[in-house]
């Protein structure tokens, strides 16, 4: 048994006094080696796509008509709106974000059940920005061996300028990452000009500084430590996976026993067993978290597939079959050992349940978006007094009505009331129309509160509390919204 105690070293704990065994061991610095192959190319493509979307999306325009912002994606905190292309979300519709979070969780569960932690290896922001920072590091300090030698060398002018240049570019990238984030909360071109002329709000500079620090720290300094110790997903996904999920797997049925190329040829000539693994450690050298995939499934593995590219390159050089390390399932390895054909089962109970949940939640959200109203009404009964008896014997109740117009143009709403014979409604300060209905005009993208008086003529039998419905109808679009309340009267049944 051994415990890592520092960079490239270990402390043996075999036979040691338990009281002398350290409870904490410092992590060795990881120097990932560059590699080429299909999985590395896929990571490059996803990296450029994700970074392109993140940095450029705030500048994409979307025409919503007059008096509305034309930024495609905008969180307008000041006015309480979130715009996503043709979708506009109001504060009271925050449940859409809840639905998106639920969808994202189920999608992550499905992704894990089908192909392990591919989110971590390809799409996670920590992975994307760490890859970007590694590009800068390799540019100034070289590949794995050169970086290790540079760190072990004494300080010199050459070492100093390389380190300073690397960290300077890291800070620039981190600063632009923070700057791009705040562009989602204001008109991007305008805010860029204000930032450049130092006339932007103080909060913008504060958030850029915070995000610059976090990006620089997480992607540049902490790197794989975030995945190992800070992120909860590795612990969660361990409970969500099974033997049928694709994971980056070492084919120990092919690779063991590990021998060099020459030893392998000699053993095979003698009829002795020899595995395909030549113990070159290239899979370890390219791993961004510094693990040995040959040790089996591990919590630290982010399923990036770079060890597959490295191993395939070596297997091609020694003229042996590729995919000694591959995306495979534990069940398939057991099947091969038993002499059975490998079977991949992406469609099983677990994936079917996750897919069904995604369809149900996604369908419900789409239906809600497609059928949601662009107007709302709320009614509040005045309590002092609850009712008034007029000189002619009729009963009057007063209500405060708030009408909300979510469209970018003014809308006239005609008010009506139902529930009792002869009941009528009038709005204070609003002249009735020819058909006696009061019409309340609400400005674009705003709300208006009016006081209304609801009257029931004398002689109508009334309970102490009678249900009524107040309706507001858009005279142009025809949209109708309703609110239920109660009409109060003296005596009668309570």
Protein backbone atom coordinates (compact mmCIF):
# COMPACT_ATOMS: atom_id res chain seq x y z
CA UNK A 1 0.00 0.00 0.00
CA UNK A 2 1.30 3.47 -0.84
CA UNK A 3 0.09 7.03 -0.52
CA UNK A 4 0.95 9.86 -2.89
CA UNK A 5 2.87 12.49 -1.00
CA UNK A 6 4.00 14.87 -3.67
CA UNK A 7 4.87 15.31 -7.32
CA UNK A 8 6.00 12.02 -8.77
CA UNK A 9 6.67 10.42 -5.38
CA UNK A 10 4.96 8.08 -2.98
CA UNK A 11 5.28 7.02 0.63
CA UNK A 12 5.07 3.31 1.40
CA UNK A 13 2.68 2.47 4.22
CA UNK A 14 3.20 -1.30 4.18
CA UNK A 15 4.05 -2.49 7.69
CA UNK A 16 3.99 1.04 9.08
CA UNK A 17 2.56 2.01 12.42
CA UNK A 18 -1.07 3.07 11.79
CA UNK A 19 -0.47 6.17 13.92
CA UNK A 20 2.31 7.26 11.55
CA UNK A 21 0.31 6.89 8.31
CA UNK A 22 -0.62 10.37 6.99
CA UNK A 23 -4.34 11.05 6.66
CA UNK A 24 -3.75 13.62 3.91
CA UNK A 25 -1.52 13.25 0.88
CA UNK A 26 -0.81 16.16 -1.44
CA UNK A 27 -1.88 15.59 -5.02
CA UNK A 28 0.83 15.30 -7.65
CA UNK A 29 0.68 17.87 -10.42
CA UNK A 30 -0.68 16.43 -13.66
CA UNK A 31 1.09 17.14 -16.96
CA UNK A 32 -1.25 15.90 -19.72
CA UNK A 33 0.53 15.02 -22.94
CA UNK A 34 -0.92 16.12 -26.26
CA UNK A 35 -2.47 13.39 -28.37
CA UNK A 36 -4.22 13.09 -31.72
CA UNK A 37 -7.07 10.86 -32.74
CA UNK A 38 -10.84 10.80 -33.32
CA UNK A 39 -11.78 11.54 -29.71
CA UNK A 40 -9.32 14.42 -29.48
CA UNK A 41 -10.73 15.84 -32.73
CA UNK A 42 -14.25 15.50 -31.35
CA UNK A 43 -13.18 17.39 -28.23
CA UNK A 44 -11.64 20.15 -30.37
CA UNK A 45 -14.85 20.49 -32.40
CA UNK A 46 -17.03 20.65 -29.28
CA UNK A 47 -14.62 23.08 -27.60
CA UNK A 48 -14.73 25.55 -30.49
CA UNK A 49 -18.50 25.18 -30.79
CA UNK A 50 -19.11 25.80 -27.07
CA UNK A 51 -16.69 28.72 -26.86
CA UNK A 52 -18.07 30.24 -30.06
CA UNK A 53 -21.63 30.09 -28.75
CA UNK A 54 -20.67 31.48 -25.35
CA UNK A 55 -18.59 34.40 -26.60
CA UNK A 56 -20.62 35.39 -29.68
CA UNK A 57 -24.25 34.71 -28.71
CA UNK A 58 -24.70 38.07 -26.88
CA UNK A 59 -24.02 39.88 -30.16
CA UNK A 60 -26.68 37.97 -32.12
CA UNK A 61 -29.65 40.20 -32.96
CA UNK A 62 -33.35 39.24 -33.01
CA UNK A 63 -36.05 41.70 -34.12
CA UNK A 64 -38.96 41.72 -31.66
CA UNK A 65 -40.56 44.89 -32.93
CA UNK A 66 -40.58 48.44 -31.55
CA UNK A 67 -39.90 49.23 -27.89
CA UNK A 68 -38.35 45.80 -27.20
CA UNK A 69 -34.66 44.80 -27.03
CA UNK A 70 -33.26 43.18 -30.16
CA UNK A 71 -30.66 40.99 -28.46
CA UNK A 72 -31.39 37.32 -29.12
CA UNK A 73 -30.55 36.15 -25.59
CA UNK A 74 -30.95 38.70 -22.81
CA UNK A 75 -31.66 38.60 -19.08
CA UNK A 76 -33.18 42.05 -18.54
CA UNK A 77 -33.01 42.21 -14.75
CA UNK A 78 -34.05 45.88 -14.55
CA UNK A 79 -37.37 45.22 -16.33
CA UNK A 80 -37.87 41.69 -15.05
CA UNK A 81 -37.71 39.91 -18.42
CA UNK A 82 -35.75 37.07 -19.95
CA UNK A 83 -35.58 36.92 -23.74
CA UNK A 84 -34.55 33.85 -25.69
CA UNK A 85 -35.10 34.45 -29.39
CA UNK A 86 -38.92 34.46 -29.81
CA UNK A 87 -39.59 33.43 -26.19
CA UNK A 88 -40.18 36.06 -23.49
CA UNK A 89 -40.27 34.96 -19.86
CA UNK A 90 -41.81 37.13 -17.12
CA UNK A 91 -40.88 36.91 -13.41
CA UNK A 92 -44.04 34.97 -12.54
CA UNK A 93 -43.08 32.37 -15.16
CA UNK A 94 -39.92 31.31 -13.37
CA UNK A 95 -41.32 27.77 -13.36
CA UNK A 96 -40.00 27.47 -16.93
CA UNK A 97 -36.47 27.61 -15.52
CA UNK A 98 -37.43 24.96 -13.00
CA UNK A 99 -38.64 22.81 -15.88
CA UNK A 100 -35.38 23.38 -17.76
CA UNK A 101 -33.39 22.29 -14.72
CA UNK A 102 -35.49 19.14 -14.42
CA UNK A 103 -35.01 18.45 -18.14
CA UNK A 104 -31.26 18.99 -17.81
CA UNK A 105 -31.11 16.57 -14.87
CA UNK A 106 -32.99 13.84 -16.76
CA UNK A 107 -30.85 14.43 -19.86
CA UNK A 108 -27.73 14.06 -17.72
CA UNK A 109 -29.11 10.85 -16.22
CA UNK A 110 -29.87 9.49 -19.70
CA UNK A 111 -26.45 10.50 -21.00
CA UNK A 112 -24.82 8.72 -18.07
CA UNK A 113 -26.91 5.57 -18.54
CA UNK A 114 -25.99 5.39 -22.23
CA UNK A 115 -22.37 6.53 -22.33
CA UNK A 116 -21.10 7.27 -18.84
CA UNK A 117 -19.63 10.65 -17.94
CA UNK A 118 -19.38 11.97 -21.49
CA UNK A 119 -20.79 15.26 -20.22
CA UNK A 120 -17.71 15.64 -18.04
CA UNK A 121 -15.30 14.67 -20.80
CA UNK A 122 -16.71 16.81 -23.61
CA UNK A 123 -19.28 19.42 -22.56
CA UNK A 124 -18.63 20.47 -18.96
CA UNK A 125 -17.43 24.11 -18.79
CA UNK A 126 -14.63 23.04 -16.44
CA UNK A 127 -13.32 20.63 -19.10
CA UNK A 128 -13.77 23.08 -21.98
CA UNK A 129 -11.93 25.96 -20.31
CA UNK A 130 -9.23 23.68 -18.88
CA UNK A 131 -8.55 22.41 -22.41
CA UNK A 132 -8.32 26.01 -23.61
CA UNK A 133 -5.88 26.92 -20.85
CA UNK A 134 -3.79 23.83 -21.64
CA UNK A 135 -3.45 25.02 -25.24
CA UNK A 136 -1.91 28.24 -23.95
CA UNK A 137 0.34 26.34 -21.54
CA UNK A 138 1.65 24.05 -24.27
CA UNK A 139 2.28 27.01 -26.56
CA UNK A 140 4.59 28.72 -24.06
CA UNK A 141 6.03 25.78 -22.12
CA UNK A 142 5.94 22.85 -24.53
CA UNK A 143 4.49 19.36 -24.19
CA UNK A 144 4.51 17.08 -21.14
CA UNK A 145 8.27 16.44 -20.83
CA UNK A 146 9.22 20.05 -21.55
CA UNK A 147 6.76 21.33 -18.94
CA UNK A 148 8.04 18.89 -16.34
CA UNK A 149 11.66 19.91 -17.01
CA UNK A 150 10.74 23.59 -16.91
CA UNK A 151 9.03 23.24 -13.52
CA UNK A 152 11.99 21.32 -12.09
CA UNK A 153 14.56 23.79 -13.46
CA UNK A 154 15.88 26.72 -11.49
CA UNK A 155 14.44 30.13 -12.14
CA UNK A 156 15.96 31.86 -15.15
CA UNK A 157 14.98 34.59 -17.59
CA UNK A 158 13.69 31.97 -20.03
CA UNK A 159 11.54 30.30 -17.36
CA UNK A 160 10.31 33.65 -16.06
CA UNK A 161 9.07 35.04 -19.37
CA UNK A 162 7.33 31.77 -20.26
CA UNK A 163 5.51 31.62 -16.93
CA UNK A 164 4.58 35.31 -17.00
CA UNK A 165 3.34 35.13 -20.60
CA UNK A 166 1.27 32.02 -19.87
CA UNK A 167 -0.44 33.49 -16.83
CA UNK A 168 -0.99 36.81 -18.62
CA UNK A 169 -2.86 35.08 -21.45
CA UNK A 170 -4.79 33.03 -18.91
CA UNK A 171 -5.91 36.24 -17.18
CA UNK A 172 -6.94 37.76 -20.52
CA UNK A 173 -9.03 34.67 -21.36
CA UNK A 174 -10.53 34.67 -17.86
CA UNK A 175 -11.31 38.39 -18.13
CA UNK A 176 -13.06 37.95 -21.46
CA UNK A 177 -14.97 34.98 -20.03
CA UNK A 178 -16.29 37.20 -17.24
CA UNK A 179 -16.92 40.01 -19.70
CA UNK A 180 -18.91 37.74 -22.00
CA UNK A 181 -21.07 36.63 -19.08
CA UNK A 182 -22.18 40.16 -18.14
CA UNK A 183 -23.05 40.82 -21.80
CA UNK A 184 -26.03 38.50 -21.34
CA UNK A 185 -27.50 41.02 -18.86
CA UNK A 186 -27.38 44.18 -21.00
CA UNK A 187 -27.27 45.20 -24.64
CA UNK A 188 -23.91 43.71 -25.65
CA UNK A 189 -22.57 46.37 -28.08
CA UNK A 190 -23.61 49.18 -25.75
CA UNK A 191 -22.04 47.54 -22.69
CA UNK A 192 -18.80 46.82 -24.59
CA UNK A 193 -18.49 50.54 -25.42
CA UNK A 194 -19.23 51.48 -21.82
CA UNK A 195 -16.67 49.00 -20.51
CA UNK A 196 -14.05 50.34 -22.92
CA UNK A 197 -14.71 53.95 -21.88
CA UNK A 198 -15.04 53.11 -18.16
CA UNK A 199 -18.63 54.35 -18.03
CA UNK A 200 -20.26 50.97 -17.36
CA UNK A 201 -22.08 50.32 -14.07
CA UNK A 202 -19.81 49.42 -11.16
CA UNK A 203 -21.63 46.09 -10.81
CA UNK A 204 -20.43 45.09 -14.29
CA UNK A 205 -16.78 45.57 -13.31
CA UNK A 206 -17.34 43.74 -10.01
CA UNK A 207 -18.87 40.70 -11.70
CA UNK A 208 -16.18 40.63 -14.37
CA UNK A 209 -13.53 40.69 -11.64
CA UNK A 210 -15.23 37.86 -9.73
CA UNK A 211 -15.63 35.68 -12.82
CA UNK A 212 -12.09 36.46 -13.97
CA UNK A 213 -10.78 35.19 -10.64
CA UNK A 214 -12.94 32.05 -10.63
CA UNK A 215 -12.14 31.16 -14.25
CA UNK A 216 -8.41 31.69 -13.72
CA UNK A 217 -8.45 29.68 -10.48
CA UNK A 218 -10.63 26.79 -11.60
CA UNK A 219 -9.40 26.27 -15.18
CA UNK A 220 -5.81 27.41 -14.75
CA UNK A 221 -4.75 26.45 -11.24
CA UNK A 222 -7.11 23.82 -9.83
CA UNK A 223 -8.00 21.96 -13.04
CA UNK A 224 -8.61 18.27 -12.31
CA UNK A 225 -8.94 18.99 -8.56
CA UNK A 226 -12.34 20.53 -9.33
CA UNK A 227 -13.51 17.27 -10.90
CA UNK A 228 -12.05 15.13 -8.13
CA UNK A 229 -13.03 17.03 -5.01
CA UNK A 230 -15.41 19.93 -5.70
CA UNK A 231 -17.88 18.54 -8.24
CA UNK A 232 -20.67 16.34 -6.81
CA UNK A 233 -21.52 14.69 -10.13
CA UNK A 234 -18.91 11.85 -9.94
CA UNK A 235 -20.51 10.68 -6.69
CA UNK A 236 -24.02 11.01 -8.07
CA UNK A 237 -23.31 9.25 -11.37
CA UNK A 238 -21.82 6.27 -9.54
CA UNK A 239 -25.33 5.53 -8.27
CA UNK A 240 -26.89 6.00 -11.71
CA UNK A 241 -24.69 3.74 -13.82
CA UNK A 242 -24.81 -0.01 -14.37
CA UNK A 243 -22.84 -2.75 -16.11
CA UNK A 244 -24.55 -1.99 -19.44
CA UNK A 245 -23.44 1.66 -19.62
CA UNK A 246 -20.64 2.55 -22.01
CA UNK A 247 -17.53 3.67 -20.15
CA UNK A 248 -13.89 4.13 -21.06
CA UNK A 249 -12.71 0.63 -20.23
CA UNK A 250 -9.43 -1.26 -20.30
CA UNK A 251 -9.92 -4.63 -21.98
CA UNK A 252 -8.14 -6.67 -19.34
CA UNK A 253 -9.32 -9.82 -21.10
CA UNK A 254 -7.00 -8.78 -23.97
CA UNK A 255 -4.33 -6.77 -22.21
CA UNK A 256 -3.19 -9.06 -19.39
CA UNK A 257 -0.53 -10.09 -18.60
CA UNK A 258 1.32 -6.90 -19.50
CA UNK A 259 4.67 -7.47 -21.17
CA UNK A 260 7.01 -5.54 -23.45
CA UNK A 261 6.92 -6.07 -27.20
CA UNK A 262 9.98 -8.33 -27.20
CA UNK A 263 8.79 -10.33 -24.20
CA UNK A 264 5.39 -10.71 -25.79
CA UNK A 265 6.86 -12.10 -29.01
CA UNK A 266 9.04 -14.52 -27.06
CA UNK A 267 6.20 -15.72 -24.84
CA UNK A 268 3.84 -16.19 -27.77
CA UNK A 269 6.53 -18.17 -29.61
CA UNK A 270 6.75 -20.43 -26.57
CA UNK A 271 2.99 -20.80 -26.43
CA UNK A 272 2.78 -18.87 -23.16
CA UNK A 273 0.09 -16.25 -22.55
CA UNK A 274 0.98 -12.63 -23.31
CA UNK A 275 -1.38 -9.67 -23.30
CA UNK A 276 -1.58 -6.90 -25.88
CA UNK A 277 -0.69 -4.20 -23.32
CA UNK A 278 3.01 -3.35 -23.59
CA UNK A 279 2.93 -1.22 -20.41
CA UNK A 280 4.02 1.95 -22.23
CA UNK A 281 2.05 4.23 -19.86
CA UNK A 282 0.88 6.44 -22.73
CA UNK A 283 -2.69 6.15 -21.46
CA UNK A 284 -1.52 7.64 -18.16
CA UNK A 285 0.57 10.36 -19.82
CA UNK A 286 -2.35 11.81 -21.81
CA UNK A 287 -4.96 11.55 -19.03
CA UNK A 288 -6.09 15.04 -17.93
CA UNK A 289 -6.77 13.78 -14.39
CA UNK A 290 -3.63 11.65 -14.13
CA UNK A 291 -5.17 8.23 -13.51
CA UNK A 292 -4.31 4.80 -14.90
CA UNK A 293 -7.40 3.48 -16.64
CA UNK A 294 -5.94 -0.03 -16.41
CA UNK A 295 -6.70 0.00 -12.68
CA UNK A 296 -10.40 -0.35 -13.51
CA UNK A 297 -13.39 1.96 -13.18
CA UNK A 298 -12.50 5.01 -11.11
CA UNK A 299 -14.38 7.97 -9.71
CA UNK A 300 -11.81 10.38 -11.17
CA UNK A 301 -12.25 9.29 -14.81
CA UNK A 302 -14.09 11.92 -16.87
CA UNK A 303 -14.62 9.62 -19.90
CA UNK A 304 -12.85 11.95 -22.33
CA UNK A 305 -11.45 9.10 -24.46
CA UNK A 306 -7.95 10.57 -24.84
CA UNK A 307 -6.42 7.38 -23.46
CA UNK A 308 -8.20 5.52 -26.28
CA UNK A 309 -6.49 7.73 -28.87
CA UNK A 310 -3.10 7.21 -27.20
CA UNK A 311 -3.50 3.44 -26.93
CA UNK A 312 -4.76 3.08 -30.51
CA UNK A 313 -1.69 4.98 -31.74
CA UNK A 314 0.61 2.59 -29.86
CA UNK A 315 -1.31 -0.51 -30.98
CA UNK A 316 -0.98 0.61 -34.61
CA UNK A 317 2.78 1.01 -34.19
CA UNK A 318 3.24 -2.49 -32.72
CA UNK A 319 0.83 -4.05 -35.25
CA UNK A 320 -1.81 -5.15 -32.75
CA UNK A 321 -5.59 -4.71 -32.80
CA UNK A 322 -6.86 -1.31 -31.71
CA UNK A 323 -9.39 -0.58 -28.97
CA UNK A 324 -7.46 -2.26 -26.17
CA UNK A 325 -8.91 0.71 -24.32
CA UNK A 326 -12.37 1.55 -25.63
CA UNK A 327 -15.86 2.73 -24.81
CA UNK A 328 -17.21 -0.60 -23.66
CA UNK A 329 -19.40 -2.14 -20.98
CA UNK A 330 -18.41 -4.28 -18.04
CA UNK A 331 -21.00 -6.83 -19.15
CA UNK A 332 -19.35 -7.19 -22.56
CA UNK A 333 -15.96 -7.92 -21.03
CA UNK A 334 -17.54 -10.65 -18.93
CA UNK A 335 -19.30 -12.02 -22.02
CA UNK A 336 -16.04 -12.18 -23.97
CA UNK A 337 -14.29 -13.97 -21.13
CA UNK A 338 -17.13 -16.50 -21.15
CA UNK A 339 -16.75 -16.91 -24.93
CA UNK A 340 -19.98 -15.10 -25.75
CA UNK A 341 -20.44 -12.30 -28.33
CA UNK A 342 -20.47 -8.71 -27.12
CA UNK A 343 -23.90 -7.06 -27.02
CA UNK A 344 -24.56 -3.37 -26.50
CA UNK A 345 -27.97 -2.62 -24.97
CA UNK A 346 -28.70 1.12 -25.13
CA UNK A 347 -32.44 0.44 -24.89
CA UNK A 348 -33.25 -0.94 -21.46
CA UNK A 349 -35.55 -0.08 -18.56
CA UNK A 350 -33.31 2.65 -17.15
CA UNK A 351 -32.90 4.51 -20.45
CA UNK A 352 -36.58 4.03 -21.34
CA UNK A 353 -37.66 5.64 -18.06
CA UNK A 354 -35.31 8.60 -18.49
CA UNK A 355 -36.43 9.07 -22.10
CA UNK A 356 -40.09 8.95 -21.10
CA UNK A 357 -39.52 11.52 -18.35
CA UNK A 358 -37.74 13.83 -20.80
CA UNK A 359 -40.59 13.50 -23.31
CA UNK A 360 -43.26 14.14 -20.65
CA UNK A 361 -41.55 17.15 -19.06
CA UNK A 362 -40.43 18.57 -22.41
CA UNK A 363 -43.86 18.05 -23.93
CA UNK A 364 -45.57 19.72 -20.98
CA UNK A 365 -43.27 22.73 -21.25
CA UNK A 366 -43.80 23.03 -25.00
CA UNK A 367 -47.57 22.80 -24.56
CA UNK A 368 -47.47 25.44 -21.84
CA UNK A 369 -45.39 27.73 -24.07
CA UNK A 370 -47.65 27.20 -27.07
CA UNK A 371 -50.87 27.85 -25.16
CA UNK A 372 -49.77 30.43 -22.60
CA UNK A 373 -51.72 33.66 -22.41
CA UNK A 374 -50.33 37.09 -23.16
CA UNK A 375 -52.66 38.73 -20.65
CA UNK A 376 -53.43 38.12 -17.00
CA UNK A 377 -56.00 39.40 -14.53
CA UNK A 378 -56.03 39.41 -10.74
CA UNK A 379 -58.86 40.57 -8.48
CA UNK A 380 -58.74 41.76 -4.87
CA UNK A 381 -61.97 42.39 -2.97
CA UNK A 382 -61.99 45.59 -0.92
CA UNK A 383 -62.65 44.76 2.73
CA UNK A 384 -63.57 48.14 4.18
CA UNK A 385 -66.46 47.96 3.72
CA UNK A 386 -67.25 44.53 2.26
CA UNK A 387 -70.46 45.86 0.68
CA UNK A 388 -72.59 48.99 0.48
CA UNK A 389 -76.39 49.15 0.33
CA UNK A 390 -77.48 51.94 -2.01
CA UNK A 391 -80.59 54.12 -1.63
CA UNK A 392 -82.53 52.08 -4.19
CA UNK A 393 -81.82 48.85 -2.31
CA UNK A 394 -79.15 47.54 -4.66
CA UNK A 395 -75.92 46.06 -3.23
CA UNK A 396 -72.49 47.23 -4.35
CA UNK A 397 -69.04 45.63 -3.86
CA UNK A 398 -65.71 47.23 -4.77
CA UNK A 399 -62.70 45.40 -6.21
CA UNK A 400 -59.16 46.27 -7.25
CA UNK A 401 -58.39 44.69 -10.62
CA UNK A 402 -54.90 44.44 -12.07
CA UNK A 403 -54.57 43.73 -15.80
CA UNK A 404 -51.24 42.58 -17.22
CA UNK A 405 -50.39 43.08 -20.91
CA UNK A 406 -47.43 40.98 -22.10
CA UNK A 407 -47.55 42.19 -25.69
CA UNK A 408 -45.51 45.07 -27.18
CA UNK A 409 -48.58 47.11 -28.17
CA UNK A 410 -51.38 48.78 -26.15
CA UNK A 411 -54.46 46.62 -25.68
CA UNK A 412 -58.04 47.61 -24.80
CA UNK A 413 -59.81 45.18 -22.44
CA UNK A 414 -63.59 45.18 -22.03
CA UNK A 415 -64.73 44.20 -18.53
CA UNK A 416 -67.80 42.07 -17.81
CA UNK A 417 -69.10 40.22 -14.76
CA UNK A 418 -71.24 37.07 -14.45
CA UNK A 419 -72.76 34.99 -11.68
CA UNK A 420 -75.90 36.86 -10.56
CA UNK A 421 -79.05 38.13 -12.32
CA UNK A 422 -78.80 41.76 -13.42
CA UNK A 423 -75.25 42.15 -12.14
CA UNK A 424 -73.29 44.98 -13.73
CA UNK A 425 -69.76 46.39 -13.53
CA UNK A 426 -68.28 49.86 -13.88
CA UNK A 427 -64.67 51.05 -13.66
CA UNK A 428 -63.89 54.19 -11.67
CA UNK A 429 -62.53 56.87 -14.00
CA UNK A 430 -63.30 54.85 -17.14
CA UNK A 431 -66.22 55.76 -19.39
CA UNK A 432 -68.45 52.85 -20.45
CA UNK A 433 -68.80 51.95 -24.11
CA UNK A 434 -71.98 51.86 -26.16
CA UNK A 435 -72.71 48.34 -24.92
CA UNK A 436 -72.19 49.51 -21.31
CA UNK A 437 -68.95 47.55 -20.87
CA UNK A 438 -66.09 49.60 -19.38
CA UNK A 439 -62.93 49.39 -21.53
CA UNK A 440 -59.53 49.62 -19.84
CA UNK A 441 -56.49 50.24 -22.05
CA UNK A 442 -53.21 48.76 -20.82
CA UNK A 443 -49.89 50.07 -22.13
CA UNK A 444 -47.43 47.76 -23.91
CA UNK A 445 -45.48 45.33 -21.76
CA UNK A 446 -46.94 46.66 -18.52
CA UNK A 447 -49.81 46.35 -16.07
CA UNK A 448 -52.62 48.65 -14.95
CA UNK A 449 -54.71 48.62 -11.81
CA UNK A 450 -58.27 49.96 -11.77
CA UNK A 451 -61.00 50.13 -9.13
CA UNK A 452 -64.27 48.58 -10.23
CA UNK A 453 -67.73 48.66 -8.69
CA UNK A 454 -69.98 45.61 -9.06
CA UNK A 455 -73.69 46.17 -8.37
CA UNK A 456 -76.61 43.76 -7.99
CA UNK A 457 -80.12 45.29 -8.25
CA UNK A 458 -82.60 45.16 -5.39
CA UNK A 459 -84.85 42.14 -5.16
CA UNK A 460 -82.25 39.59 -6.27
CA UNK A 461 -82.02 36.84 -3.63
CA UNK A 462 -78.46 36.81 -2.30
CA UNK A 463 -76.39 34.66 0.02
CA UNK A 464 -73.85 36.28 2.31
CA UNK A 465 -71.18 35.22 -0.17
CA UNK A 466 -71.92 34.51 -3.82
CA UNK A 467 -69.38 33.35 -6.43
CA UNK A 468 -68.91 35.65 -9.42
CA UNK A 469 -66.52 35.78 -12.40
CA UNK A 470 -64.93 38.94 -13.76
CA UNK A 471 -63.83 38.71 -17.40
CA UNK A 472 -61.47 40.91 -19.41
CA UNK A 473 -61.66 40.55 -23.21
CA UNK A 474 -59.11 41.98 -25.63
CA UNK A 475 -61.16 43.89 -28.22
CA UNK A 476 -58.48 43.43 -30.91
CA UNK A 477 -56.90 40.00 -30.41
CA UNK A 478 -59.96 38.36 -28.87
CA UNK A 479 -57.99 36.87 -25.96
CA UNK A 480 -60.05 36.45 -22.79
CA UNK A 481 -58.89 36.12 -19.20
CA UNK A 482 -61.04 35.48 -16.14
CA UNK A 483 -60.77 35.71 -12.37
CA UNK A 484 -63.17 34.29 -9.79
CA UNK A 485 -64.13 36.07 -6.57
CA UNK A 486 -67.11 36.48 -4.25
CA UNK A 487 -69.89 39.05 -4.00
CA UNK A 488 -70.75 39.94 -0.41
CA UNK A 489 -74.24 40.88 0.77
CA UNK A 490 -75.99 41.44 4.10
CA UNK A 491 -77.93 38.61 5.70
CA UNK A 492 -78.74 35.57 3.64
CA UNK A 493 -77.00 32.26 4.09
CA UNK A 494 -73.38 32.60 5.29
